[in-house]
Amino acid sequence: MPPLPHAHPAGLTRAQVLRMAVGLSTGVATAGLPFGAAAQKKATMNTRPIPSSKEALPVIGCGTWVGFGHAPGSDEYPRLPGVLQALFDAGGTVLDSSPMYGRAEQTTGELLAASKDRAKAFLATKVWTRGREAGIAQMEQSFAHLKAERIDLMQVHNLVDWRTQLATLREWKAQGRIRYVGITHYTASAFGEVEAVLRAETLDFLQINYSIDDRAVEQRLLPLAAERGVAVIVNQPFGGGGLLRGLRDKPLPGWAAEIDATSWAQVLLKFTLSHPAVTCVIPGTSRPEHMADNAKAGSGPVPDAAFWRRHAASVTA
């Protein structure tokens, strides 16, 4: 595991893990609160500003890969309205999808149409194809699936034909059809290209993988995003799920209480949020209780680099 940067903060089933757990509006400002201070007041989700607009974005959202790929009539579908309700009740807004995620866009659109909280959602999705006309057709389908007249964030998924697609995205942003433009990736082999695009293009968002056991982006991409004024959405904060599963037999350490974390999921999410370049984290789930648990990581103190120098190794060992 590479050392934490010195100049800035670092950078059974899930249900059983939760049962085993011990009983920045101010994302940056809360970093200065004494540990445990947030417990003395009603928890509210921290927000961080989108650099290009200064719009406040809640720091915990929900990814829809796998979890929202269910159709009406399935055993999982009836649980999904509760996931949205748990997100919105906690003050979260970001829902991230993609045409790559099977039925997830359509399911998200159906659930939002039936929700009284539709206006609270910050909708993010992606274009994932080659060619201008194919990209336009795919994005029009996303609008239809999401039942949206405007999408908050459209991203070029995994940099597929990014020059062509970014040109269309900029046109649509100027027309008001989308509010923000971004790119995504999740594999270290593509980070060189991601860096080149970040340097060459004006973007609102970068979505990238980052977790306590997968920290390659700390070296160049997160500092560059901060330098370029690009908001960062983090995917795979649980190491693709394997990291969280690997912690299932470990009791939650006593030091978790110092950062108001009551589950391993919250510990992992608070690590990711400790990096000042990170704007929002989007753990995916299809279970309301997991969404509610994840959302709690968005309130309370944000630990600093010194904290993780003491404790990170005990999480990944």
Protein backbone atom coordinates (compact mmCIF):
# COMPACT_ATOMS: atom_id res chain seq x y z
CA MET A 1 0.00 0.00 0.00
CA PRO A 2 1.52 3.37 -0.98
CA PRO A 3 2.04 5.92 1.78
CA LEU A 4 -0.53 8.58 2.40
CA PRO A 5 0.33 11.92 0.80
CA HIS A 6 1.80 14.28 3.35
CA ALA A 7 0.36 17.46 1.91
CA HIS A 8 -3.35 16.61 2.14
CA PRO A 9 -5.81 14.18 3.78
CA ALA A 10 -5.93 10.74 2.24
CA GLY A 11 -6.05 9.95 0.40
CA LEU A 12 -21.69 -13.46 6.47
CA THR A 13 -23.63 -10.71 4.39
CA ARG A 14 -23.72 -6.96 4.54
CA ALA A 15 -26.79 -7.23 6.78
CA GLN A 16 -24.84 -9.44 9.16
CA VAL A 17 -21.97 -6.97 9.16
CA LEU A 18 -24.38 -4.24 10.20
CA ARG A 19 -25.77 -6.36 13.02
CA MET A 20 -22.22 -6.99 14.24
CA ALA A 21 -21.28 -3.33 14.28
CA VAL A 22 -20.83 -1.52 17.55
CA GLY A 23 -23.52 0.02 19.05
CA LEU A 24 -19.00 19.64 4.10
CA SER A 25 -22.81 22.47 3.64
CA THR A 26 -19.61 21.85 5.47
CA GLY A 27 -17.65 18.94 4.14
CA VAL A 28 -14.40 20.79 4.78
CA ALA A 29 -15.57 22.67 7.86
CA THR A 30 -16.55 19.47 9.67
CA ALA A 31 -12.99 18.26 9.39
CA GLY A 32 -12.18 20.72 12.15
CA LEU A 33 -14.86 19.49 14.56
CA PRO A 34 -13.71 17.54 17.62
CA PHE A 35 -14.28 13.82 17.13
CA GLY A 36 -17.72 12.92 18.49
CA ALA A 37 -19.02 16.49 18.35
CA ALA A 38 -21.55 15.65 15.65
CA ALA A 39 -23.23 13.20 18.00
CA GLN A 40 -24.31 16.14 20.17
CA LYS A 41 -26.57 17.51 17.46
CA LYS A 42 -28.99 16.11 14.91
CA ALA A 43 -27.02 14.56 12.08
CA THR A 44 -27.36 16.19 8.68
CA MET A 45 -25.57 15.17 5.52
CA ASN A 46 -22.54 17.26 4.67
CA THR A 47 -22.29 18.87 1.25
CA ARG A 48 -19.37 19.95 -0.87
CA PRO A 49 -19.35 22.49 -3.70
CA ILE A 50 -19.19 21.53 -7.35
CA PRO A 51 -16.15 23.64 -8.34
CA SER A 52 -17.51 24.83 -11.70
CA SER A 53 -20.74 26.22 -10.23
CA LYS A 54 -20.35 26.26 -6.42
CA GLU A 55 -23.63 24.32 -6.20
CA ALA A 56 -23.69 22.29 -2.97
CA LEU A 57 -23.83 18.53 -3.51
CA PRO A 58 -24.55 16.03 -0.70
CA VAL A 59 -21.52 13.80 -0.17
CA ILE A 60 -23.27 10.39 -0.24
CA GLY A 61 -25.35 9.25 -3.20
CA CYS A 62 -26.42 5.91 -4.65
CA GLY A 63 -25.06 3.96 -7.60
CA THR A 64 -27.53 1.83 -9.54
CA TRP A 65 -25.23 -0.78 -11.09
CA VAL A 66 -26.57 -4.28 -10.27
CA GLY A 67 -28.85 -3.09 -7.46
CA PHE A 68 -31.37 -1.34 -9.70
CA GLY A 69 -31.30 -3.85 -12.55
CA HIS A 70 -34.56 -5.45 -11.42
CA ALA A 71 -37.96 -5.42 -13.14
CA PRO A 72 -41.45 -5.17 -11.63
CA GLY A 73 -42.51 -8.58 -10.40
CA SER A 74 -39.05 -9.56 -9.15
CA ASP A 75 -38.42 -10.17 -5.48
CA GLU A 76 -36.02 -7.24 -5.31
CA TYR A 77 -38.10 -4.56 -7.03
CA PRO A 78 -40.46 -3.83 -4.08
CA ARG A 79 -37.47 -2.90 -1.91
CA LEU A 80 -36.16 -0.23 -4.26
CA PRO A 81 -38.59 2.60 -3.38
CA GLY A 82 -37.25 2.29 0.16
CA VAL A 83 -33.70 2.82 -1.11
CA LEU A 84 -34.71 6.14 -2.67
CA GLN A 85 -36.62 7.12 0.46
CA ALA A 86 -33.63 6.34 2.67
CA LEU A 87 -31.36 8.41 0.42
CA PHE A 88 -33.69 11.41 0.35
CA ASP A 89 -34.57 11.20 4.06
CA ALA A 90 -30.85 11.41 4.88
CA GLY A 91 -30.39 14.49 2.70
CA GLY A 92 -28.78 12.70 -0.24
CA THR A 93 -29.68 13.49 -3.84
CA VAL A 94 -27.26 11.85 -6.29
CA LEU A 95 -28.47 8.85 -8.31
CA ASP A 96 -25.94 7.56 -10.83
CA SER A 97 -26.82 5.19 -13.67
CA SER A 98 -25.79 4.16 -17.18
CA PRO A 99 -27.20 2.42 -20.26
CA MET A 100 -24.49 -0.16 -19.49
CA TYR A 101 -26.35 -1.17 -16.32
CA GLY A 102 -29.10 -3.25 -17.89
CA ARG A 103 -32.51 -2.06 -16.71
CA ALA A 104 -31.19 0.37 -14.10
CA GLU A 105 -32.10 3.61 -15.92
CA GLN A 106 -35.63 2.42 -16.60
CA THR A 107 -36.10 1.24 -13.02
CA THR A 108 -34.75 4.52 -11.67
CA GLY A 109 -37.17 6.47 -13.87
CA GLU A 110 -40.13 4.39 -12.75
CA LEU A 111 -39.27 4.75 -9.08
CA LEU A 112 -38.75 8.51 -9.33
CA ALA A 113 -42.00 8.97 -11.23
CA ALA A 114 -43.81 7.28 -8.36
CA SER A 115 -41.93 9.20 -5.67
CA LYS A 116 -43.17 12.38 -4.05
CA ASP A 117 -39.52 13.41 -3.77
CA ARG A 118 -38.72 13.35 -7.51
CA ALA A 119 -37.54 16.97 -7.45
CA LYS A 120 -34.83 16.14 -4.90
CA ALA A 121 -32.91 13.85 -7.25
CA PHE A 122 -29.62 14.87 -8.85
CA LEU A 123 -29.71 12.56 -11.89
CA ALA A 124 -26.45 11.38 -13.39
CA THR A 125 -26.09 8.95 -16.26
CA LYS A 126 -23.72 8.20 -19.13
CA VAL A 127 -23.23 7.77 -22.84
CA TRP A 128 -21.50 4.53 -23.77
CA THR A 129 -21.22 4.08 -27.51
CA ARG A 130 -19.29 5.20 -30.60
CA GLY A 131 -20.36 7.77 -33.18
CA ARG A 132 -22.29 11.02 -32.90
CA GLU A 133 -25.67 9.72 -34.05
CA ALA A 134 -25.42 6.58 -31.95
CA GLY A 135 -24.52 8.71 -28.92
CA ILE A 136 -27.46 11.02 -29.48
CA ALA A 137 -29.83 8.07 -29.87
CA GLN A 138 -28.54 6.45 -26.69
CA MET A 139 -28.85 9.63 -24.68
CA GLU A 140 -32.38 10.25 -25.96
CA GLN A 141 -33.23 6.76 -24.76
CA SER A 142 -31.76 7.62 -21.35
CA PHE A 143 -34.01 10.68 -21.15
CA ALA A 144 -37.00 8.47 -21.94
CA HIS A 145 -36.01 5.74 -19.47
CA LEU A 146 -35.40 8.27 -16.70
CA LYS A 147 -38.60 10.16 -17.59
CA ALA A 148 -36.57 13.36 -17.44
CA GLU A 149 -36.75 16.62 -19.35
CA ARG A 150 -33.28 17.54 -18.11
CA ILE A 151 -30.43 15.44 -16.74
CA ASP A 152 -28.11 16.95 -14.17
CA LEU A 153 -24.92 15.18 -15.21
CA MET A 154 -24.10 13.34 -18.44
CA GLN A 155 -20.78 11.47 -18.46
CA VAL A 156 -18.76 9.76 -21.18
CA HIS A 157 -18.64 6.23 -19.80
CA ASN A 158 -15.13 4.75 -19.68
CA LEU A 159 -13.97 7.38 -22.20
CA VAL A 160 -15.63 5.53 -25.10
CA ASP A 161 -15.28 7.80 -28.18
CA TRP A 162 -14.87 10.70 -25.79
CA ARG A 163 -13.99 13.39 -28.34
CA THR A 164 -17.17 12.78 -30.32
CA GLN A 165 -19.42 12.45 -27.30
CA LEU A 166 -18.02 15.45 -25.41
CA ALA A 167 -18.78 17.65 -28.41
CA THR A 168 -22.43 16.63 -28.22
CA LEU A 169 -22.52 17.02 -24.45
CA ARG A 170 -21.28 20.59 -24.70
CA GLU A 171 -23.99 21.38 -27.25
CA TRP A 172 -26.66 19.91 -25.00
CA LYS A 173 -25.29 21.76 -21.98
CA ALA A 174 -25.50 25.05 -23.90
CA GLN A 175 -29.10 24.16 -24.81
CA GLY A 176 -29.96 23.43 -21.15
CA ARG A 177 -30.74 19.74 -21.69
CA ILE A 178 -27.95 18.74 -19.30
CA ARG A 179 -26.40 20.77 -16.51
CA TYR A 180 -22.93 19.25 -16.14
CA VAL A 181 -20.48 17.30 -18.30
CA GLY A 182 -18.06 14.61 -17.14
CA ILE A 183 -16.02 11.51 -17.87
CA THR A 184 -15.71 8.19 -16.03
CA HIS A 185 -13.42 5.22 -15.64
CA TYR A 186 -12.62 2.51 -13.12
CA THR A 187 -9.42 0.75 -14.22
CA ALA A 188 -5.86 1.79 -13.48
CA SER A 189 -4.73 0.91 -17.02
CA ALA A 190 -6.82 3.84 -18.30
CA PHE A 191 -5.57 6.43 -15.82
CA GLY A 192 -3.00 7.83 -18.25
CA GLU A 193 -5.73 8.61 -20.76
CA VAL A 194 -7.97 9.98 -18.01
CA GLU A 195 -5.18 12.33 -16.99
CA ALA A 196 -4.64 13.49 -20.57
CA VAL A 197 -8.35 14.26 -20.99
CA LEU A 198 -8.46 16.12 -17.68
CA ARG A 199 -5.55 18.28 -18.79
CA ALA A 200 -6.89 18.94 -22.28
CA GLU A 201 -10.63 19.44 -21.71
CA THR A 202 -12.84 21.64 -19.56
CA LEU A 203 -14.99 19.29 -17.49
CA ASP A 204 -17.37 19.60 -14.57
CA PHE A 205 -17.00 16.06 -13.20
CA LEU A 206 -14.69 13.07 -13.07
CA GLN A 207 -16.06 9.74 -11.83
CA ILE A 208 -13.33 7.33 -10.74
CA ASN A 209 -12.70 4.35 -8.43
CA TYR A 210 -11.13 5.01 -5.04
CA SER A 211 -11.09 3.04 -1.80
CA ILE A 212 -8.84 2.38 1.15
CA ASP A 213 -7.33 -0.63 -0.66
CA ASP A 214 -7.28 0.96 -4.14
CA ARG A 215 -5.52 4.31 -3.89
CA ALA A 216 -3.75 4.82 -7.21
CA VAL A 217 -5.78 7.96 -7.94
CA GLU A 218 -4.18 9.71 -4.97
CA GLN A 219 -0.94 10.03 -6.88
CA ARG A 220 -2.03 12.12 -9.87
CA LEU A 221 -5.73 12.12 -10.70
CA LEU A 222 -7.23 13.50 -7.50
CA PRO A 223 -4.66 16.32 -7.20
CA LEU A 224 -5.15 17.13 -10.89
CA ALA A 225 -8.93 17.22 -10.54
CA ALA A 226 -8.57 19.67 -7.66
CA GLU A 227 -6.14 21.78 -9.67
CA ARG A 228 -8.46 21.84 -12.68
CA GLY A 229 -11.61 22.60 -10.67
CA VAL A 230 -13.29 19.29 -11.48
CA ALA A 231 -15.74 17.67 -9.06
CA VAL A 232 -15.00 14.01 -8.25
CA ILE A 233 -17.60 11.28 -7.85
CA VAL A 234 -16.13 8.09 -6.38
CA ASN A 235 -17.33 4.68 -7.47
CA GLN A 236 -16.33 1.35 -5.90
CA PRO A 237 -15.63 2.81 -2.42
CA PHE A 238 -15.93 -0.73 -1.02
CA GLY A 239 -13.29 -2.09 -3.38
CA GLY A 240 -15.95 -3.49 -5.68
CA GLY A 241 -17.63 -5.13 -2.69
CA GLY A 242 -14.80 -7.51 -1.92
CA LEU A 243 -13.26 -5.23 0.69
CA LEU A 244 -16.48 -4.97 2.68
CA ARG A 245 -17.10 -8.71 2.46
CA GLY A 246 -13.58 -9.31 3.70
CA LEU A 247 -14.29 -7.33 6.85
CA ARG A 248 -17.38 -9.34 7.81
CA ASP A 249 -15.61 -11.40 10.47
CA LYS A 250 -13.69 -8.50 12.01
CA PRO A 251 -15.22 -6.63 14.93
CA LEU A 252 -15.49 -2.90 14.45
CA PRO A 253 -12.46 -1.29 16.15
CA GLY A 254 -12.87 1.09 19.04
CA TRP A 255 -11.36 3.94 17.04
CA ALA A 256 -14.40 3.93 14.73
CA ALA A 257 -16.34 5.73 17.43
CA GLU A 258 -13.90 8.65 17.17
CA ILE A 259 -15.25 9.37 13.68
CA ASP A 260 -18.90 8.56 14.51
CA ALA A 261 -18.78 5.38 12.42
CA THR A 262 -21.03 2.53 13.57
CA SER A 263 -20.37 0.09 10.70
CA TRP A 264 -17.52 -0.99 8.47
CA ALA A 265 -19.32 0.56 5.50
CA GLN A 266 -19.23 3.94 7.22
CA VAL A 267 -15.52 3.55 8.00
CA LEU A 268 -14.75 2.86 4.34
CA LEU A 269 -16.89 5.74 3.10
CA LYS A 270 -15.34 8.16 5.59
CA PHE A 271 -11.91 7.17 4.33
CA THR A 272 -12.92 8.10 0.78
CA LEU A 273 -14.48 11.37 1.91
CA SER A 274 -11.28 12.26 3.76
CA HIS A 275 -9.66 13.31 0.49
CA PRO A 276 -10.49 16.99 -0.15
CA ALA A 277 -10.76 16.47 -3.92
CA VAL A 278 -13.70 14.08 -3.47
CA THR A 279 -17.12 15.66 -3.89
CA CYS A 280 -19.50 12.70 -3.60
CA VAL A 281 -19.35 8.92 -3.13
CA ILE A 282 -21.92 6.59 -4.71
CA PRO A 283 -22.00 3.15 -3.05
CA GLY A 284 -24.55 0.94 -4.77
CA THR A 285 -27.25 -1.03 -2.99
CA SER A 286 -30.72 -2.48 -3.45
CA ARG A 287 -31.54 -2.56 0.27
CA PRO A 288 -33.03 0.39 2.18
CA GLU A 289 -31.21 -0.49 5.41
CA HIS A 290 -27.87 -0.43 3.61
CA MET A 291 -28.67 2.92 2.00
CA ALA A 292 -29.58 4.37 5.40
CA ASP A 293 -26.36 3.00 6.90
CA ASN A 294 -24.24 4.34 4.05
CA ALA A 295 -25.82 7.77 4.32
CA LYS A 296 -24.73 8.10 7.95
CA ALA A 297 -21.13 8.33 6.74
CA GLY A 298 -22.05 11.68 5.21
CA SER A 299 -22.48 13.38 8.56
CA GLY A 300 -20.18 14.06 11.46
CA PRO A 301 -16.41 14.51 11.49
CA VAL A 302 -14.11 13.83 8.56
CA PRO A 303 -10.85 12.22 9.75
CA ASP A 304 -7.53 13.62 8.58
CA ALA A 305 -4.41 12.03 7.11
CA ALA A 306 -2.81 11.51 10.52
CA PHE A 307 -5.84 9.49 11.61
CA TRP A 308 -5.52 7.15 8.63
CA ARG A 309 -1.77 6.81 9.06
CA ARG A 310 -2.57 5.31 12.44
CA HIS A 311 -5.47 3.12 11.41
CA ALA A 312 -5.62 2.33 7.67
CA ALA A 313 -3.38 -0.71 7.92
CA SER A 314 -5.74 -2.33 10.42
CA VAL A 315 -8.56 -2.11 7.86
CA THR A 316 -6.67 -3.61 4.93
CA ALA A 317 -4.61 -6.21 6.83
